[in-house]
């Protein structure tokens, strides 16, 4: 069974996840999970990485090389997603679907293993793409706000700004009645008697 996955494992290591993993290997210790990430011999575990980031390295403005650490990706050869990844890769080694699935498996294994995601924006974009594919939503479909709703949304925002502005001005400079303003200094009666 292992030889069946050899080309996929080397593809993960050399192409798709080359900057993130030291190697990809099959694991018999995974039961329910598709894959897991483990630290290399001298690498940090997920928990240790969080501790180190919150301590001296974070205060000094560096990460101590933690963001560049490569991990070992252990894959469950019996899991349906790993088998599908292998099938997609064999059918087309340049498949974008296979690359997205591989990266998503890596990201979820990263979270499951206690590590932090480096790039949450690309993770969200990839999840959006996979969800669209899973639910047969057109990949090119964009958000379209109806014109009448767009006007309703824009109008209150303008009113809110114009209503808040005078309130802010009043708070900054309270109005003083004209009769309270005097050009002569006000001297209390007790002080006048002493003069």
C-alpha atoms as a PDB file:
ATOM      1  CA  UNK A   1       0.000   0.000   0.000  1.00  0.00           C
ATOM      2  CA  UNK A   2       2.855   2.396   0.806  1.00  0.00           C
ATOM      3  CA  UNK A   3       4.286   2.360  -2.720  1.00  0.00           C
ATOM      4  CA  UNK A   4       0.914   3.485  -4.055  1.00  0.00           C
ATOM      5  CA  UNK A   5       1.385   6.804  -2.199  1.00  0.00           C
ATOM      6  CA  UNK A   6       5.097   7.377  -2.914  1.00  0.00           C
ATOM      7  CA  UNK A   7       4.665   9.847  -5.775  1.00  0.00           C
ATOM      8  CA  UNK A   8       2.051  11.844  -3.846  1.00  0.00           C
ATOM      9  CA  UNK A   9       4.250  12.015  -0.735  1.00  0.00           C
ATOM     10  CA  UNK A  10       7.254  13.256  -2.698  1.00  0.00           C
ATOM     11  CA  UNK A  11       4.997  15.741  -4.574  1.00  0.00           C
ATOM     12  CA  UNK A  12       3.838  17.146  -1.221  1.00  0.00           C
ATOM     13  CA  UNK A  13       7.418  17.454   0.051  1.00  0.00           C
ATOM     14  CA  UNK A  14       8.978  18.834  -3.134  1.00  0.00           C
ATOM     15  CA  UNK A  15       6.215  21.026  -4.569  1.00  0.00           C
ATOM     16  CA  UNK A  16       3.019  21.858  -2.737  1.00  0.00           C
ATOM     17  CA  UNK A  17       4.260  22.034   0.863  1.00  0.00           C
ATOM     18  CA  UNK A  18       8.001  22.378   0.260  1.00  0.00           C
ATOM     19  CA  UNK A  19       8.326  25.481   2.457  1.00  0.00           C
ATOM     20  CA  UNK A  20       6.297  23.978   5.302  1.00  0.00           C
ATOM     21  CA  UNK A  21       7.200  20.329   5.776  1.00  0.00           C
ATOM     22  CA  UNK A  22      10.429  18.420   6.270  1.00  0.00           C
ATOM     23  CA  UNK A  23       8.814  15.282   4.871  1.00  0.00           C
ATOM     24  CA  UNK A  24       5.474  13.582   4.323  1.00  0.00           C
ATOM     25  CA  UNK A  25       5.035  10.046   5.520  1.00  0.00           C
ATOM     26  CA  UNK A  26       2.294   7.464   6.021  1.00  0.00           C
ATOM     27  CA  UNK A  27       1.254   6.725   9.570  1.00  0.00           C
ATOM     28  CA  UNK A  28      -0.484   3.750  11.113  1.00  0.00           C
ATOM     29  CA  UNK A  29      -1.077   5.502  14.439  1.00  0.00           C
ATOM     30  CA  UNK A  30      -3.773   7.839  13.042  1.00  0.00           C
ATOM     31  CA  UNK A  31      -7.266   6.420  13.313  1.00  0.00           C
ATOM     32  CA  UNK A  32      -9.896   9.122  12.663  1.00  0.00           C
ATOM     33  CA  UNK A  33      -7.699  12.006  11.491  1.00  0.00           C
ATOM     34  CA  UNK A  34      -6.564  12.393   7.907  1.00  0.00           C
ATOM     35  CA  UNK A  35      -3.162  13.721   8.909  1.00  0.00           C
ATOM     36  CA  UNK A  36      -1.163  15.214  11.747  1.00  0.00           C
ATOM     37  CA  UNK A  37       1.908  17.391  12.059  1.00  0.00           C
ATOM     38  CA  UNK A  38       4.714  16.549  14.420  1.00  0.00           C
ATOM     39  CA  UNK A  39       7.781  18.551  15.278  1.00  0.00           C
ATOM     40  CA  UNK A  40      11.163  17.466  13.984  1.00  0.00           C
ATOM     41  CA  UNK A  41      13.745  16.199  16.479  1.00  0.00           C
ATOM     42  CA  UNK A  42      14.807  19.697  17.578  1.00  0.00           C
ATOM     43  CA  UNK A  43      11.619  21.559  16.652  1.00  0.00           C
ATOM     44  CA  UNK A  44       8.964  23.041  18.920  1.00  0.00           C
ATOM     45  CA  UNK A  45       5.635  21.411  19.612  1.00  0.00           C
ATOM     46  CA  UNK A  46       2.528  23.534  19.080  1.00  0.00           C
ATOM     47  CA  UNK A  47       2.240  24.314  22.785  1.00  0.00           C
ATOM     48  CA  UNK A  48       5.931  25.188  23.158  1.00  0.00           C
ATOM     49  CA  UNK A  49       5.722  27.403  20.077  1.00  0.00           C
ATOM     50  CA  UNK A  50       2.861  29.411  21.640  1.00  0.00           C
ATOM     51  CA  UNK A  51       4.777  29.755  24.904  1.00  0.00           C
ATOM     52  CA  UNK A  52       7.942  30.924  23.149  1.00  0.00           C
ATOM     53  CA  UNK A  53       6.048  33.432  21.011  1.00  0.00           C
ATOM     54  CA  UNK A  54       4.436  34.946  24.075  1.00  0.00           C
ATOM     55  CA  UNK A  55       7.709  35.267  25.954  1.00  0.00           C
ATOM     56  CA  UNK A  56      11.078  36.823  25.177  1.00  0.00           C
ATOM     57  CA  UNK A  57      11.030  36.398  21.396  1.00  0.00           C
ATOM     58  CA  UNK A  58       7.751  38.274  21.080  1.00  0.00           C
ATOM     59  CA  UNK A  59       8.969  41.065  23.334  1.00  0.00           C
ATOM     60  CA  UNK A  60      12.206  41.388  21.372  1.00  0.00           C
ATOM     61  CA  UNK A  61      10.256  41.710  18.117  1.00  0.00           C
ATOM     62  CA  UNK A  62      11.464  38.419  16.641  1.00  0.00           C
ATOM     63  CA  UNK A  63      10.104  34.935  16.431  1.00  0.00           C
ATOM     64  CA  UNK A  64      13.335  33.030  17.005  1.00  0.00           C
ATOM     65  CA  UNK A  65      12.917  31.316  13.627  1.00  0.00           C
ATOM     66  CA  UNK A  66       9.681  29.639  14.702  1.00  0.00           C
ATOM     67  CA  UNK A  67       7.817  30.667  11.537  1.00  0.00           C
ATOM     68  CA  UNK A  68      10.434  28.938   9.397  1.00  0.00           C
ATOM     69  CA  UNK A  69      10.363  25.599  11.191  1.00  0.00           C
ATOM     70  CA  UNK A  70       9.412  22.657   9.045  1.00  0.00           C
ATOM     71  CA  UNK A  71       7.343  19.827  10.431  1.00  0.00           C
ATOM     72  CA  UNK A  72       6.750  16.182   9.568  1.00  0.00           C
ATOM     73  CA  UNK A  73       3.356  15.499   8.011  1.00  0.00           C
ATOM     74  CA  UNK A  74       1.984  12.083   8.943  1.00  0.00           C
ATOM     75  CA  UNK A  75      -0.878  10.915   6.727  1.00  0.00           C
ATOM     76  CA  UNK A  76      -3.478   8.231   7.314  1.00  0.00           C
ATOM     77  CA  UNK A  77      -3.512   6.113   4.111  1.00  0.00           C
ATOM     78  CA  UNK A  78      -6.961   4.730   4.966  1.00  0.00           C
ATOM     79  CA  UNK A  79      -8.670   8.105   5.328  1.00  0.00           C
ATOM     80  CA  UNK A  80     -10.996   8.967   2.405  1.00  0.00           C
ATOM     81  CA  UNK A  81      -9.536  12.476   1.956  1.00  0.00           C
ATOM     82  CA  UNK A  82      -5.968  11.159   1.731  1.00  0.00           C
ATOM     83  CA  UNK A  83      -7.096   8.507  -0.744  1.00  0.00           C
ATOM     84  CA  UNK A  84      -8.887  11.184  -2.792  1.00  0.00           C
ATOM     85  CA  UNK A  85      -5.783  13.380  -2.724  1.00  0.00           C
ATOM     86  CA  UNK A  86      -3.735  10.446  -4.023  1.00  0.00           C
ATOM     87  CA  UNK A  87      -6.304   9.778  -6.754  1.00  0.00           C
ATOM     88  CA  UNK A  88      -6.395  13.458  -7.832  1.00  0.00           C
ATOM     89  CA  UNK A  89      -2.606  13.643  -7.921  1.00  0.00           C
ATOM     90  CA  UNK A  90      -2.294  10.459  -9.994  1.00  0.00           C
ATOM     91  CA  UNK A  91      -4.931  11.677 -12.472  1.00  0.00           C
ATOM     92  CA  UNK A  92      -3.198  15.067 -12.912  1.00  0.00           C
ATOM     93  CA  UNK A  93       0.023  15.943 -11.055  1.00  0.00           C
ATOM     94  CA  UNK A  94      -0.591  19.639 -11.851  1.00  0.00           C
ATOM     95  CA  UNK A  95      -4.184  19.589 -10.571  1.00  0.00           C
ATOM     96  CA  UNK A  96      -5.238  22.766  -8.777  1.00  0.00           C
ATOM     97  CA  UNK A  97      -7.882  20.746  -6.909  1.00  0.00           C
ATOM     98  CA  UNK A  98      -5.222  18.396  -5.567  1.00  0.00           C
ATOM     99  CA  UNK A  99      -3.000  21.308  -4.505  1.00  0.00           C
ATOM    100  CA  UNK A 100      -5.931  23.021  -2.733  1.00  0.00           C
ATOM    101  CA  UNK A 101      -6.870  19.798  -0.954  1.00  0.00           C
ATOM    102  CA  UNK A 102      -3.253  19.180   0.095  1.00  0.00           C
ATOM    103  CA  UNK A 103      -2.875  22.719   1.450  1.00  0.00           C
ATOM    104  CA  UNK A 104      -6.217  22.471   3.266  1.00  0.00           C
ATOM    105  CA  UNK A 105      -5.239  19.147   4.835  1.00  0.00           C
ATOM    106  CA  UNK A 106      -1.981  20.752   5.969  1.00  0.00           C
ATOM    107  CA  UNK A 107      -3.767  23.800   7.439  1.00  0.00           C
ATOM    108  CA  UNK A 108      -6.320  21.727   9.338  1.00  0.00           C
ATOM    109  CA  UNK A 109      -3.553  19.425  10.616  1.00  0.00           C
ATOM    110  CA  UNK A 110      -1.657  22.529  11.710  1.00  0.00           C
ATOM    111  CA  UNK A 111      -4.633  23.671  13.782  1.00  0.00           C
ATOM    112  CA  UNK A 112      -5.419  20.175  15.087  1.00  0.00           C
ATOM    113  CA  UNK A 113      -1.811  19.699  16.169  1.00  0.00           C
ATOM    114  CA  UNK A 114      -1.820  22.952  18.150  1.00  0.00           C
ATOM    115  CA  UNK A 115       0.187  25.181  15.793  1.00  0.00           C
ATOM    116  CA  UNK A 116      -0.836  28.605  14.505  1.00  0.00           C
ATOM    117  CA  UNK A 117      -1.756  29.466  10.933  1.00  0.00           C
ATOM    118  CA  UNK A 118       0.732  31.802   9.260  1.00  0.00           C
ATOM    119  CA  UNK A 119      -1.638  33.175   6.632  1.00  0.00           C
ATOM    120  CA  UNK A 120      -5.285  33.263   7.646  1.00  0.00           C
ATOM    121  CA  UNK A 121      -6.290  35.242   4.535  1.00  0.00           C
ATOM    122  CA  UNK A 122      -5.197  32.561   2.065  1.00  0.00           C
ATOM    123  CA  UNK A 123      -6.679  29.889   4.369  1.00  0.00           C
ATOM    124  CA  UNK A 124     -10.056  31.682   4.208  1.00  0.00           C
ATOM    125  CA  UNK A 125      -9.841  32.065   0.420  1.00  0.00           C
ATOM    126  CA  UNK A 126      -9.031  28.365   0.046  1.00  0.00           C
ATOM    127  CA  UNK A 127     -11.933  27.379   2.311  1.00  0.00           C
ATOM    128  CA  UNK A 128     -14.258  29.611   0.272  1.00  0.00           C
ATOM    129  CA  UNK A 129     -13.076  27.888  -2.925  1.00  0.00           C
ATOM    130  CA  UNK A 130     -13.531  24.397  -1.446  1.00  0.00           C
ATOM    131  CA  UNK A 131     -16.987  25.236  -0.077  1.00  0.00           C
ATOM    132  CA  UNK A 132     -18.080  26.629  -3.436  1.00  0.00           C
ATOM    133  CA  UNK A 133     -16.883  23.435  -5.121  1.00  0.00           C
ATOM    134  CA  UNK A 134     -18.577  21.209  -2.507  1.00  0.00           C
ATOM    135  CA  UNK A 135     -21.946  22.952  -2.777  1.00  0.00           C
ATOM    136  CA  UNK A 136     -21.836  23.491  -6.560  1.00  0.00           C
ATOM    137  CA  UNK A 137     -21.650  27.278  -6.288  1.00  0.00           C
ATOM    138  CA  UNK A 138     -20.111  28.958  -9.330  1.00  0.00           C
ATOM    139  CA  UNK A 139     -16.462  29.745  -8.586  1.00  0.00           C
ATOM    140  CA  UNK A 140     -16.750  33.076 -10.403  1.00  0.00           C
ATOM    141  CA  UNK A 141     -19.999  34.190  -8.736  1.00  0.00           C
ATOM    142  CA  UNK A 142     -19.583  37.518  -6.957  1.00  0.00           C
ATOM    143  CA  UNK A 143     -21.533  39.311  -4.266  1.00  0.00           C
ATOM    144  CA  UNK A 144     -24.316  41.355  -5.840  1.00  0.00           C
ATOM    145  CA  UNK A 145     -26.180  43.814  -3.637  1.00  0.00           C
ATOM    146  CA  UNK A 146     -29.553  44.942  -5.097  1.00  0.00           C
ATOM    147  CA  UNK A 147     -29.626  48.671  -5.945  1.00  0.00           C
ATOM    148  CA  UNK A 148     -32.510  49.461  -3.547  1.00  0.00           C
ATOM    149  CA  UNK A 149     -30.734  47.697  -0.669  1.00  0.00           C
ATOM    150  CA  UNK A 150     -27.471  49.388  -1.567  1.00  0.00           C
ATOM    151  CA  UNK A 151     -29.186  52.818  -1.288  1.00  0.00           C
ATOM    152  CA  UNK A 152     -30.778  51.889   2.055  1.00  0.00           C
ATOM    153  CA  UNK A 153     -27.464  50.767   3.437  1.00  0.00           C
ATOM    154  CA  UNK A 154     -25.624  53.875   2.195  1.00  0.00           C
ATOM    155  CA  UNK A 155     -28.249  56.414   3.342  1.00  0.00           C
ATOM    156  CA  UNK A 156     -28.288  55.626   7.092  1.00  0.00           C
ATOM    157  CA  UNK A 157     -24.513  55.639   7.169  1.00  0.00           C
ATOM    158  CA  UNK A 158     -24.470  59.228   5.857  1.00  0.00           C
ATOM    159  CA  UNK A 159     -27.214  60.310   8.323  1.00  0.00           C
ATOM    160  CA  UNK A 160     -25.402  58.692  11.211  1.00  0.00           C
ATOM    161  CA  UNK A 161     -22.253  60.625  10.425  1.00  0.00           C
ATOM    162  CA  UNK A 162     -24.075  63.944  10.085  1.00  0.00           C
ATOM    163  CA  UNK A 163     -26.002  63.384  13.342  1.00  0.00           C
ATOM    164  CA  UNK A 164     -22.922  62.423  15.286  1.00  0.00           C
ATOM    165  CA  UNK A 165     -20.807  65.347  14.111  1.00  0.00           C
ATOM    166  CA  UNK A 166     -22.783  68.128  15.917  1.00  0.00           C
ATOM    167  CA  UNK A 167     -22.911  66.041  19.081  1.00  0.00           C
ATOM    168  CA  UNK A 168     -19.137  65.732  18.996  1.00  0.00           C
ATOM    169  CA  UNK A 169     -18.737  69.480  18.435  1.00  0.00           C
ATOM    170  CA  UNK A 170     -21.045  70.250  21.367  1.00  0.00           C
ATOM    171  CA  UNK A 171     -19.096  67.953  23.618  1.00  0.00           C
ATOM    172  CA  UNK A 172     -15.842  69.582  22.602  1.00  0.00           C
ATOM    173  CA  UNK A 173     -17.003  73.205  23.132  1.00  0.00           C
ATOM    174  CA  UNK A 174     -20.048  73.647  25.387  1.00  0.00           C
ATOM    175  CA  UNK A 175     -22.234  76.687  24.735  1.00  0.00           C
ATOM    176  CA  UNK A 176     -21.956  79.498  27.275  1.00  0.00           C
ATOM    177  CA  UNK A 177     -24.856  81.976  27.659  1.00  0.00           C
ATOM    178  CA  UNK A 178     -23.979  85.543  26.574  1.00  0.00           C
ATOM    179  CA  UNK A 179     -24.895  87.052  29.968  1.00  0.00           C
ATOM    180  CA  UNK A 180     -22.345  84.791  31.618  1.00  0.00           C
ATOM    181  CA  UNK A 181     -19.566  86.277  29.517  1.00  0.00           C
ATOM    182  CA  UNK A 182     -18.083  89.450  31.003  1.00  0.00           C
ATOM    183  CA  UNK A 183     -15.102  91.523  29.997  1.00  0.00           C
ATOM    184  CA  UNK A 184     -14.416  92.576  33.596  1.00  0.00           C
ATOM    185  CA  UNK A 185     -12.915  90.044  35.950  1.00  0.00           C
ATOM    186  CA  UNK A 186     -15.363  88.604  38.441  1.00  0.00           C
ATOM    187  CA  UNK A 187     -14.261  89.211  42.021  1.00  0.00           C
ATOM    188  CA  UNK A 188     -16.137  87.456  44.831  1.00  0.00           C
ATOM    189  CA  UNK A 189     -17.744  89.722  47.498  1.00  0.00           C
ATOM    190  CA  UNK A 190     -15.474  88.448  50.274  1.00  0.00           C
ATOM    191  CA  UNK A 191     -12.442  89.419  48.256  1.00  0.00           C
ATOM    192  CA  UNK A 192     -13.866  92.921  47.601  1.00  0.00           C
ATOM    193  CA  UNK A 193     -14.178  93.575  51.345  1.00  0.00           C
ATOM    194  CA  UNK A 194     -10.536  92.726  51.880  1.00  0.00           C
ATOM    195  CA  UNK A 195      -9.485  95.186  49.196  1.00  0.00           C
END
